[in-house]
Structures are given as structure tokens and as C-alpha cells.
Protein backbone atom coordinates (compact mmCIF):
# COMPACT_ATOMS: atom_id res chain seq x y z
CA UNK A 1 -128.40 132.16 -89.80
CA UNK A 2 -131.65 133.03 -88.00
CA UNK A 3 -131.07 134.56 -84.56
CA UNK A 4 -133.83 132.66 -82.80
CA UNK A 5 -132.09 133.21 -79.46
CA UNK A 6 -132.76 136.92 -79.60
CA UNK A 7 -136.45 136.36 -80.30
CA UNK A 8 -136.84 133.75 -77.57
CA UNK A 9 -135.17 135.96 -74.96
CA UNK A 10 -137.45 138.82 -75.93
CA UNK A 11 -140.54 136.62 -75.65
CA UNK A 12 -139.49 135.34 -72.23
CA UNK A 13 -139.00 138.89 -70.95
CA UNK A 14 -142.28 140.29 -72.24
CA UNK A 15 -145.14 137.93 -71.40
CA UNK A 16 -147.69 140.59 -72.37
CA UNK A 17 -146.63 139.87 -75.94
CA UNK A 18 -147.99 136.32 -75.48
CA UNK A 19 -151.57 137.60 -75.27
CA UNK A 20 -153.11 137.07 -78.68
CA UNK A 21 -155.34 140.13 -78.46
CA UNK A 22 -152.39 142.45 -77.73
CA UNK A 23 -150.76 144.73 -80.30
CA UNK A 24 -147.33 143.33 -79.34
CA UNK A 25 -148.49 139.82 -80.22
CA UNK A 26 -149.90 140.90 -83.58
CA UNK A 27 -146.74 142.80 -84.54
CA UNK A 28 -144.41 140.00 -83.46
CA UNK A 29 -146.52 137.39 -85.23
CA UNK A 30 -146.25 139.27 -88.54
CA UNK A 31 -142.54 139.91 -88.09
CA UNK A 32 -141.63 136.34 -87.15
CA UNK A 33 -143.81 134.82 -89.89
CA UNK A 34 -141.93 136.84 -92.50
CA UNK A 35 -138.55 135.91 -91.06
CA UNK A 36 -139.31 132.19 -91.06
CA UNK A 37 -140.98 132.20 -94.48
CA UNK A 38 -138.02 133.98 -96.06
CA UNK A 39 -135.57 131.53 -94.46
CA UNK A 40 -137.13 128.44 -96.01
CA UNK A 41 -137.52 127.00 -99.43
CA UNK A 42 -137.76 123.41 -100.59
CA UNK A 43 -134.05 123.06 -101.32
CA UNK A 44 -132.26 124.81 -98.44
CA UNK A 45 -132.16 124.20 -94.70
CA UNK A 46 -131.75 127.28 -92.49
CA UNK A 47 -129.63 127.30 -89.36
CA UNK A 48 -131.10 128.72 -86.16
CA UNK A 49 -129.10 130.25 -83.33
CA UNK A 50 -130.61 128.82 -80.13
CA UNK A 51 -128.10 130.20 -77.60
CA UNK A 52 -124.85 132.12 -77.96
CA UNK A 53 -123.05 128.90 -78.91
CA UNK A 54 -125.73 126.38 -79.92
CA UNK A 55 -127.36 126.09 -83.34
CA UNK A 56 -129.79 123.66 -84.92
CA UNK A 57 -131.38 122.95 -88.29
CA UNK A 58 -134.78 121.67 -89.33
CA UNK A 59 -135.13 120.72 -93.02
CA UNK A 60 -138.21 121.69 -95.00
CA UNK A 61 -140.93 119.04 -94.79
CA UNK A 62 -144.32 119.08 -96.50
CA UNK A 63 -147.20 117.98 -94.25
CA UNK A 64 -150.12 118.57 -96.59
CA UNK A 65 -151.54 122.08 -96.43
CA UNK A 66 -148.84 123.05 -93.93
CA UNK A 67 -145.08 122.63 -93.79
CA UNK A 68 -142.08 123.16 -91.55
CA UNK A 69 -142.50 126.95 -91.53
CA UNK A 70 -145.80 126.62 -89.66
CA UNK A 71 -144.03 124.86 -86.77
CA UNK A 72 -142.30 128.17 -85.97
CA UNK A 73 -145.53 130.08 -85.29
CA UNK A 74 -145.39 132.58 -82.43
CA UNK A 75 -147.37 130.32 -80.07
CA UNK A 76 -144.78 127.59 -80.54
CA UNK A 77 -141.91 130.05 -80.10
CA UNK A 78 -143.46 131.15 -76.80
CA UNK A 79 -143.19 127.56 -75.57
CA UNK A 80 -139.59 127.35 -76.82
CA UNK A 81 -138.84 130.55 -74.91
CA UNK A 82 -140.21 128.88 -71.78
CA UNK A 83 -137.76 126.00 -72.29
CA UNK A 84 -134.90 128.46 -72.64
CA UNK A 85 -135.96 130.48 -69.60
CA UNK A 86 -136.30 127.36 -67.42
CA UNK A 87 -133.37 125.28 -68.65
CA UNK A 88 -132.00 125.05 -65.10
CA UNK A 89 -135.36 124.31 -63.47
CA UNK A 90 -136.27 120.98 -65.11
CA UNK A 91 -134.25 117.88 -65.94
CA UNK A 92 -136.48 115.22 -67.51
CA UNK A 93 -139.05 116.18 -70.14
CA UNK A 94 -141.71 114.11 -71.89
CA UNK A 95 -142.71 115.41 -75.33
CA UNK A 96 -146.06 113.92 -76.32
CA UNK A 97 -146.88 114.54 -79.97
CA UNK A 98 -143.34 115.25 -81.10
CA UNK A 99 -144.15 115.55 -84.82
CA UNK A 100 -140.86 116.05 -86.73
CA UNK A 101 -138.98 117.05 -83.61
CA UNK A 102 -138.70 120.83 -83.17
CA UNK A 103 -139.51 120.83 -79.43
CA UNK A 104 -137.48 117.71 -78.72
CA UNK A 105 -134.44 119.08 -80.57
CA UNK A 106 -134.55 122.38 -78.69
CA UNK A 107 -135.04 120.65 -75.35
CA UNK A 108 -132.20 118.21 -75.97
CA UNK A 109 -129.76 120.91 -77.09
CA UNK A 110 -130.63 122.93 -73.97
CA UNK A 111 -129.44 119.89 -71.98
CA UNK A 112 -132.79 118.46 -70.91
CA UNK A 113 -133.13 114.68 -70.87
CA UNK A 114 -135.97 114.06 -73.34
CA UNK A 115 -138.33 111.20 -74.11
CA UNK A 116 -140.58 111.88 -77.09
CA UNK A 117 -143.59 110.06 -78.53
CA UNK A 118 -144.75 110.21 -82.15
CA UNK A 119 -147.34 107.70 -83.33
CA UNK A 120 -147.24 108.10 -87.12
CA UNK A 121 -144.43 105.86 -88.49
CA UNK A 122 -143.73 108.15 -91.46
CA UNK A 123 -143.51 111.28 -89.29
CA UNK A 124 -141.40 109.31 -86.81
CA UNK A 125 -138.96 108.45 -89.61
CA UNK A 126 -138.46 112.17 -90.31
CA UNK A 127 -138.24 112.88 -86.57
CA UNK A 128 -135.34 110.43 -86.20
CA UNK A 129 -133.55 111.95 -89.20
CA UNK A 130 -133.84 115.42 -87.64
CA UNK A 131 -132.55 114.18 -84.28
CA UNK A 132 -129.54 112.63 -86.00
CA UNK A 133 -128.93 115.77 -88.08
CA UNK A 134 -128.71 117.83 -84.89
CA UNK A 135 -126.66 115.25 -82.97
CA UNK A 136 -129.27 115.04 -80.22
CA UNK A 137 -127.91 112.48 -77.80
CA UNK A 138 -129.95 113.13 -74.66
CA UNK A 139 -133.17 111.91 -76.19
CA UNK A 140 -135.23 108.74 -76.45
CA UNK A 141 -137.69 108.69 -79.40
CA UNK A 142 -140.62 106.26 -79.20
CA UNK A 143 -142.85 105.38 -82.16
CA UNK A 144 -146.04 104.98 -80.13
CA UNK A 145 -149.15 106.99 -79.30
CA UNK A 146 -149.73 108.49 -75.86
CA UNK A 147 -152.82 107.07 -74.19
CA UNK A 148 -154.34 105.95 -70.89
CA UNK A 149 -153.81 102.26 -71.60
CA UNK A 150 -151.22 99.88 -73.05
CA UNK A 151 -151.93 97.96 -76.23
CA UNK A 152 -152.96 98.90 -79.75
CA UNK A 153 -155.48 101.31 -81.24
CA UNK A 154 -156.55 102.73 -84.58
CA UNK A 155 -154.76 105.90 -85.69
CA UNK A 156 -156.10 108.45 -88.18
CA UNK A 157 -153.58 110.22 -90.37
CA UNK A 158 -154.98 113.52 -91.65
CA UNK A 159 -153.21 113.69 -95.00
CA UNK A 160 -153.93 117.38 -95.55
CA UNK A 161 -152.46 118.37 -92.18
CA UNK A 162 -150.24 115.81 -90.50
CA UNK A 163 -150.14 117.88 -87.30
CA UNK A 164 -153.86 117.08 -86.93
CA UNK A 165 -153.40 113.29 -87.01
CA UNK A 166 -154.80 111.53 -83.95
CA UNK A 167 -156.04 108.36 -82.33
CA UNK A 168 -159.34 107.55 -84.00
CA UNK A 169 -162.28 108.95 -82.06
CA UNK A 170 -160.33 111.79 -80.45
CA UNK A 171 -161.80 114.19 -83.01
CA UNK A 172 -165.44 114.09 -84.03
CA UNK A 173 -165.09 115.41 -87.58
CA UNK A 174 -161.65 114.84 -89.11
CA UNK A 175 -161.49 116.40 -92.56
CA UNK A 176 -160.11 115.60 -96.00
CA UNK A 177 -158.26 112.47 -97.07
CA UNK A 178 -157.67 110.10 -94.16
CA UNK A 179 -155.49 107.04 -93.72
CA UNK A 180 -156.31 104.68 -90.86
CA UNK A 181 -154.01 102.04 -89.43
CA UNK A 182 -153.11 100.37 -86.16
CA UNK A 183 -150.47 101.78 -83.83
CA UNK A 184 -149.03 100.79 -80.49
CA UNK A 185 -150.16 102.91 -77.53
CA UNK A 186 -148.50 103.56 -74.19
CA UNK A 187 -150.17 104.27 -70.86
CA UNK A 188 -148.51 107.53 -69.88
CA UNK A 189 -149.80 107.21 -66.33
CA UNK A 190 -147.32 104.38 -65.81
CA UNK A 191 -144.26 106.43 -66.73
CA UNK A 192 -145.22 110.02 -65.81
CA UNK A 193 -143.39 109.98 -62.47
CA UNK A 194 -140.07 109.84 -64.36
CA UNK A 195 -140.56 113.43 -65.58
CA UNK A 196 -140.78 116.90 -64.10
CA UNK A 197 -142.15 118.60 -67.25
CA UNK A 198 -144.57 117.14 -69.79
CA UNK A 199 -145.52 118.86 -73.05
CA UNK A 200 -148.83 117.54 -74.43
CA UNK A 201 -149.89 118.16 -78.03
CA UNK A 202 -151.91 115.10 -78.96
CA UNK A 203 -155.01 116.37 -80.74
CA UNK A 204 -157.92 115.67 -78.41
CA UNK A 205 -156.31 113.01 -76.21
CA UNK A 206 -154.94 115.49 -73.68
CA UNK A 207 -157.62 114.96 -71.01
CA UNK A 208 -157.49 111.19 -71.35
CA UNK A 209 -153.71 111.14 -70.88
CA UNK A 210 -153.66 113.72 -68.09
CA UNK A 211 -156.25 111.88 -66.01
CA UNK A 212 -154.27 108.63 -66.33
CA UNK A 213 -151.61 110.22 -64.09
CA UNK A 214 -152.03 109.72 -60.35
CA UNK A 215 -152.60 112.72 -58.10
CA UNK A 216 -149.36 112.02 -56.26
CA UNK A 217 -147.35 112.05 -59.49
CA UNK A 218 -149.19 115.00 -61.07
CA UNK A 219 -148.36 117.30 -58.17
CA UNK A 220 -144.65 116.81 -58.90
CA UNK A 221 -144.97 117.57 -62.63
CA UNK A 222 -145.55 120.73 -64.64
CA UNK A 223 -147.59 120.42 -67.85
CA UNK A 224 -147.49 122.59 -70.98
CA UNK A 225 -150.41 121.67 -73.20
CA UNK A 226 -153.21 122.54 -75.59
CA UNK A 227 -156.90 121.97 -74.91
CA UNK A 228 -159.26 120.96 -77.69
CA UNK A 229 -163.03 120.91 -77.14
CA UNK A 230 -165.48 121.52 -74.29
CA UNK A 231 -165.39 117.94 -73.00
CA UNK A 232 -161.60 117.97 -72.67
CA UNK A 233 -161.70 121.40 -71.04
CA UNK A 234 -164.19 120.28 -68.38
CA UNK A 235 -162.31 117.06 -67.66
CA UNK A 236 -159.01 118.91 -67.29
CA UNK A 237 -160.55 121.60 -65.09
CA UNK A 238 -162.24 119.05 -62.81
CA UNK A 239 -159.09 116.92 -62.59
CA UNK A 240 -156.93 119.94 -61.74
CA UNK A 241 -159.37 121.05 -59.05
CA UNK A 242 -159.45 117.57 -57.56
CA UNK A 243 -155.69 117.06 -57.62
CA UNK A 244 -154.69 120.57 -56.57
CA UNK A 245 -153.10 121.79 -59.80
CA UNK A 246 -153.28 125.45 -60.75
CA UNK A 247 -154.10 126.36 -64.35
CA UNK A 248 -152.42 129.30 -66.10
CA UNK A 249 -153.41 130.58 -69.54
CA UNK A 250 -151.37 132.18 -72.30
CA UNK A 251 -154.39 134.18 -73.44
CA UNK A 252 -154.57 136.15 -70.18
CA UNK A 253 -150.83 136.72 -69.63
CA UNK A 254 -150.43 133.45 -67.73
CA UNK A 255 -152.74 134.42 -64.89
CA UNK A 256 -154.36 131.72 -62.78
CA UNK A 257 -157.75 130.36 -63.89
CA UNK A 258 -160.72 130.72 -61.55
CA UNK A 259 -163.49 129.15 -63.60
CA UNK A 260 -164.12 126.57 -66.33
CA UNK A 261 -165.46 129.29 -68.63
CA UNK A 262 -161.98 130.82 -68.89
CA UNK A 263 -160.36 127.73 -70.43
CA UNK A 264 -159.56 127.69 -74.16
CA UNK A 265 -161.40 125.26 -76.40
CA UNK A 266 -158.85 125.20 -79.22
CA UNK A 267 -155.11 125.46 -79.81
CA UNK A 268 -155.89 128.76 -81.54
CA UNK A 269 -156.46 130.26 -78.09
CA UNK A 270 -152.94 129.48 -76.95
CA UNK A 271 -151.26 127.18 -74.48
CA UNK A 272 -152.22 126.09 -70.98
CA UNK A 273 -149.82 125.48 -68.09
CA UNK A 274 -150.74 123.19 -65.19
CA UNK A 275 -148.69 123.13 -62.01
CA UNK A 276 -148.82 122.89 -58.23
CA UNK A 277 -146.84 126.16 -58.30
CA UNK A 278 -148.69 129.33 -57.35
CA UNK A 279 -147.10 131.35 -60.14
CA UNK A 280 -146.12 130.67 -63.73
CA UNK A 281 -142.29 130.48 -63.81
CA UNK A 282 -141.40 133.18 -66.31
């Protein structure tokens, strides 16, 4: 059994270790990568200790050039540690870009009420299997893409990296073998008010979805997200300024942003937290 609880508690206590340029981050990244890699192979499913009395499993799944082990990268574990730290501070969470379900499973087992969106029907099939495996009852999975409108749209599956799949047009230069097909899309602006925390990992659609949410609703929600590209960064910065949301960045120990130039332009620069709060709740 992998004692993920111990690692998550440690991450929540030491936010300096979240800064990618820090020595703590580099050491933890190497350590955790080895632990996860050694736990997995194609025939066994490791068990993870989430709290003192809650465990979960996530079977190995090949997603092209990446696999399940990559979902446990330190940047993802930092977000999971945030869920653990704040399990009494939020009730209803929206997981946009659920993939095969790691975030949704953890949230559900920590007693959050979860709604999750995954657009790719094949990935969604695996997501549902993983939810059933972990007996996740407080969760509503939806096989649709998050967008700023209701209807249908073309979806691009990036066969070499399923975590990079996206609504067509959200990325300018998708790479490798691509499958394109129609999916149903959901206007998140119409349902956002039902949630107090929204996690957004939707490969270039983050600004479009965020700006579909009214100012009144956005001020009552906290957002954990990635930012991809200069255009998305500017739109998110301008929207936050207009609405009155503060922006906090993983890459600077969750300090408040003062300028557009500080925002990350890729998931490789870590997560972004938007909130009407004046301080990141660690």
C-alpha cells in the first residue's frame, strides 16, 4: 500500500515545496516519481492510503506516450493535498476534464459532492469503471465537453497523449495521430452557481469556460486551474480584474498576482487559483 496520505499532508504543510524552482520541489518530485513508478506495472493495481481509514485504487491505463503513473506527478499531488486540506471548506465540486478519474475519486472519497465532465467516450468508459471500483457514490459523471455554449462540437483525440485531447481549435498545433469526432458540449456558465469549487483542466478552453460564468456567480466560487497560452492568460487576467477575483500562483508559493506578465503560459509552470479570498487557503 502506498501511503499517499503522508505525502499529501506534508505537501499541504510546506507550500514552499510547491515552487518548481525550489530544491524541496526537485527532491520531492524525484522521490514521488520513483515511488509511483515502482508501484505500477501492467498487471497489478496498487492501493493508495488517502486518509487514516480511506483507500483507493487506480488501475494501470495506457494513454499513448503516457500512462496512469503520470497522473500522480507532484503538481497533481499538490492539488490533491489542497482537497485534503480543505475537505471541510467546500461541499460541491465541479471537475472539468476528469480524464480517468483520479481527482474525482479523491474528492468523492473525501466526502465532497462531485460532478465531473469528460468528453472522450473511451476515456469516459474507463472513468466510470474506476468510479465503480472505488465505490464512489457522491459523484455524477457526464460524458460531455465543458464549453461556453450548449450543443455539439468537434473533438480532437490526441492518440499519443490522451490527456492532451481537446475541443478542436483550442490548440493551434496538435501533434501526432489525431482522431476527430463530434461530442456534446455543455455551457458551464449555466450550472456554475451550483458549485463552490471548480477544477479546470480542459486543454486551452479554460478562458472560454471561465468567462461564461457571471460575475455574481464567480465571486462565490474558487477555481483551481491550468492556463495554456498567452491569449488565455490575458483573457483570464482581464476577467479576474473585471470581476474582482484574486489570482494566486503555485510557481511563486501561492502569492497574489499583480501583473499579467506573472501568469503561467503552460501547465508546466504549475497551477493557478482564482478566488475572491484575499489569501490562498492552505
